[in-house]
Amino acid sequence: MEKEAKNLFQSYLVHQGLHLSKLGCRCYEPVKWFPMGNVTAQPMAVTLQELYRTMAHMRDALQTIRKQQQVLNAPDAALHSELQSAQWAVGGLLSNIGCALCLQGTSPTPRATPERPATTNAFQQKLEGCKVLWNYSEFLQALVQGSVRKEQQAGRDKRKRQKGIKRKQASRS
């Protein structure tokens, strides 16, 4: 999903013509509803709630971008199917996160959708879509990196516990 998000962002830049201009650098601005920092460093229940909230906002944002692109691009543009695929992936992830929360005895707590800037012209729509897709890509990258670090730490902790058990057993003998 991380790779697909990066590819979608690059495709969006090309389809909007932002890859050729210096204006493309405005895509790299934060979007308020994306969490900053490592959400995987939180307790699992908090991480899952944050993921659910973020992906719910992302689903809505993708829907908005898709509607805008129906006007801005030709009907057969590859970007349409890429956005659709991303929306399905986010929907699937939302479903899985919801199930994980249920297994923990919690239900998803949606928050109010943040107000999006009023985009009055096609250029503003392009920039807003670009910002959302870049933040989405970066968020997924940070999520993967945080998960990998967490797994590595869990492995180190397990090895330390096993060494401690072996030492105790050896000292008893």
Protein backbone atom coordinates (compact mmCIF):
# COMPACT_ATOMS: atom_id res chain seq x y z
CA MET A 1 0.00 0.00 0.00
CA GLU A 2 2.92 2.30 0.73
CA LYS A 3 4.37 1.84 -2.77
CA GLU A 4 0.97 2.35 -4.39
CA ALA A 5 0.50 5.62 -2.47
CA LYS A 6 3.87 6.93 -3.69
CA ASN A 7 3.02 5.91 -7.27
CA LEU A 8 -0.38 7.58 -7.01
CA PHE A 9 1.23 10.81 -5.82
CA GLN A 10 3.72 10.75 -8.72
CA SER A 11 0.95 9.98 -11.22
CA TYR A 12 -1.15 12.81 -9.83
CA LEU A 13 1.77 15.24 -10.22
CA VAL A 14 2.17 14.24 -13.86
CA HIS A 15 -1.56 14.33 -14.69
CA GLN A 16 -1.88 17.79 -13.14
CA GLY A 17 1.28 19.12 -14.80
CA LEU A 18 2.75 19.96 -11.40
CA HIS A 19 5.90 17.89 -11.97
CA LEU A 20 7.19 20.45 -14.47
CA SER A 21 6.65 23.60 -12.45
CA LYS A 22 8.11 25.07 -9.31
CA LEU A 23 4.56 25.24 -7.98
CA GLY A 24 4.75 21.50 -7.32
CA CYS A 25 6.76 22.28 -4.18
CA ARG A 26 3.53 23.58 -2.64
CA CYS A 27 2.37 19.95 -2.57
CA TYR A 28 4.75 19.24 0.28
CA GLU A 29 2.78 21.23 2.84
CA PRO A 30 1.14 19.45 5.77
CA VAL A 31 -2.57 18.69 5.85
CA LYS A 32 -4.00 19.35 9.33
CA TRP A 33 -5.86 16.06 9.75
CA PHE A 34 -2.83 13.86 9.16
CA PRO A 35 -1.13 12.96 12.43
CA MET A 36 2.40 14.17 12.95
CA GLY A 37 5.00 11.85 14.39
CA ASN A 38 4.95 8.13 14.89
CA VAL A 39 1.44 6.90 15.67
CA THR A 40 2.79 3.38 16.24
CA ALA A 41 4.62 4.61 19.35
CA GLN A 42 1.24 4.94 21.07
CA PRO A 43 -0.55 2.10 22.90
CA MET A 44 -2.27 -0.22 20.42
CA ALA A 45 -5.81 1.05 21.12
CA VAL A 46 -4.73 4.67 20.57
CA THR A 47 -2.81 3.73 17.41
CA LEU A 48 -5.83 1.93 15.98
CA GLN A 49 -8.19 4.83 16.78
CA GLU A 50 -5.76 7.30 15.17
CA LEU A 51 -5.41 5.08 12.10
CA TYR A 52 -9.18 4.72 11.83
CA ARG A 53 -9.75 8.47 12.09
CA THR A 54 -7.03 9.26 9.54
CA MET A 55 -8.18 6.64 7.04
CA ALA A 56 -11.83 7.80 7.37
CA HIS A 57 -10.70 11.33 6.46
CA MET A 58 -8.55 9.92 3.66
CA ARG A 59 -11.52 7.99 2.22
CA ASP A 60 -13.52 11.23 2.12
CA ALA A 61 -10.62 13.15 0.61
CA LEU A 62 -10.13 10.54 -2.12
CA GLN A 63 -13.80 10.76 -2.96
CA THR A 64 -13.51 14.54 -3.31
CA ILE A 65 -10.36 14.26 -5.44
CA ARG A 66 -12.03 11.67 -7.69
CA LYS A 67 -15.03 13.95 -8.26
CA GLN A 68 -12.74 16.87 -9.11
CA GLN A 69 -10.67 14.75 -11.50
CA GLN A 70 -13.76 13.68 -13.43
CA VAL A 71 -14.00 17.29 -14.55
CA LEU A 72 -10.26 18.00 -14.87
CA ASN A 73 -9.15 14.87 -16.79
CA ALA A 74 -10.29 12.86 -19.76
CA PRO A 75 -12.61 9.98 -18.84
CA ASP A 76 -10.03 7.40 -19.91
CA ALA A 77 -7.14 8.91 -17.90
CA ALA A 78 -5.27 6.28 -15.88
CA LEU A 79 -5.49 8.54 -12.83
CA HIS A 80 -9.19 7.69 -12.43
CA SER A 81 -8.54 3.99 -11.90
CA GLU A 82 -5.54 4.72 -9.66
CA LEU A 83 -7.69 6.91 -7.42
CA GLN A 84 -10.42 4.26 -7.39
CA SER A 85 -7.90 1.59 -6.37
CA ALA A 86 -6.59 3.80 -3.58
CA GLN A 87 -10.12 4.44 -2.36
CA TRP A 88 -10.81 0.67 -2.27
CA ALA A 89 -7.54 0.03 -0.42
CA VAL A 90 -8.38 2.69 2.17
CA GLY A 91 -11.87 1.23 2.56
CA GLY A 92 -10.41 -2.23 3.11
CA LEU A 93 -7.96 -0.89 5.64
CA LEU A 94 -10.78 0.91 7.46
CA SER A 95 -12.71 -2.34 7.65
CA ASN A 96 -9.70 -4.21 9.02
CA ILE A 97 -8.95 -1.51 11.59
CA GLY A 98 -12.61 -1.56 12.66
CA CYS A 99 -12.37 -5.34 13.17
CA ALA A 100 -9.14 -4.97 15.16
CA LEU A 101 -10.83 -2.40 17.40
CA CYS A 102 -13.82 -4.72 17.89
CA LEU A 103 -11.49 -7.57 18.89
CA GLN A 104 -10.11 -5.27 21.58
CA GLY A 105 -13.63 -4.55 22.81
CA THR A 106 -13.61 -1.01 21.43
CA SER A 107 -15.57 0.61 18.67
CA PRO A 108 -14.18 3.18 16.26
CA THR A 109 -14.69 6.73 17.47
CA PRO A 110 -15.01 8.92 14.40
CA ARG A 111 -14.28 12.57 14.81
CA ALA A 112 -15.84 15.39 12.86
CA THR A 113 -14.38 15.73 9.40
CA PRO A 114 -12.07 18.71 9.39
CA GLU A 115 -13.10 21.59 7.26
CA ARG A 116 -11.31 21.54 3.95
CA PRO A 117 -10.27 24.77 2.32
CA ALA A 118 -12.77 26.07 -0.16
CA THR A 119 -11.26 25.36 -3.55
CA THR A 120 -12.71 27.88 -5.92
CA ASN A 121 -10.74 27.06 -9.04
CA ALA A 122 -9.14 24.10 -10.77
CA PHE A 123 -5.62 25.09 -9.77
CA GLN A 124 -6.50 25.18 -6.07
CA GLN A 125 -8.19 21.79 -6.44
CA LYS A 126 -5.04 20.38 -8.03
CA LEU A 127 -2.84 21.72 -5.22
CA GLU A 128 -5.16 20.50 -2.47
CA GLY A 129 -5.29 17.03 -4.02
CA CYS A 130 -1.54 17.03 -4.36
CA LYS A 131 -1.06 17.94 -0.69
CA VAL A 132 -3.45 15.22 0.46
CA LEU A 133 -1.79 12.54 -1.67
CA TRP A 134 1.72 13.54 -0.58
CA ASN A 135 0.72 13.51 3.09
CA TYR A 136 -0.97 10.13 2.58
CA SER A 137 2.19 8.72 1.04
CA GLU A 138 4.37 10.09 3.83
CA PHE A 139 1.96 8.88 6.50
CA LEU A 140 2.03 5.32 5.16
CA GLN A 141 5.82 5.41 4.91
CA ALA A 142 6.12 6.54 8.55
CA LEU A 143 3.59 3.90 9.58
CA VAL A 144 5.60 1.12 7.93
CA GLN A 145 8.87 2.37 9.40
CA GLY A 146 7.32 2.64 12.87
CA SER A 147 5.91 -0.88 12.62
CA VAL A 148 9.27 -2.28 11.54
CA ARG A 149 11.02 -0.55 14.45
CA LYS A 150 8.39 -1.88 16.86
CA GLU A 151 8.85 -5.44 15.54
CA GLN A 152 12.63 -5.16 15.83
CA GLN A 153 12.34 -3.93 19.41
CA ALA A 154 9.95 -6.76 20.27
CA GLY A 155 12.48 -9.25 18.87
CA ARG A 156 15.30 -7.74 20.94
CA ASP A 157 13.14 -7.82 24.07
CA LYS A 158 12.23 -11.46 23.46
CA ARG A 159 15.91 -12.43 23.05
CA LYS A 160 16.78 -10.61 26.29
CA ARG A 161 14.02 -12.45 28.16
CA GLN A 162 15.20 -15.78 26.78
CA LYS A 163 18.79 -15.04 27.85
CA GLY A 164 17.56 -14.12 31.32
CA ILE A 165 15.61 -17.37 31.63
CA LYS A 166 18.62 -19.40 30.48
CA ARG A 167 20.87 -17.64 33.02
CA LYS A 168 18.42 -18.36 35.84
CA GLN A 169 18.23 -22.01 34.82
CA ALA A 170 22.04 -22.25 34.61
CA SER A 171 22.48 -20.68 38.08
CA ARG A 172 20.01 -23.17 39.61
CA SER A 173 21.96 -26.15 38.24
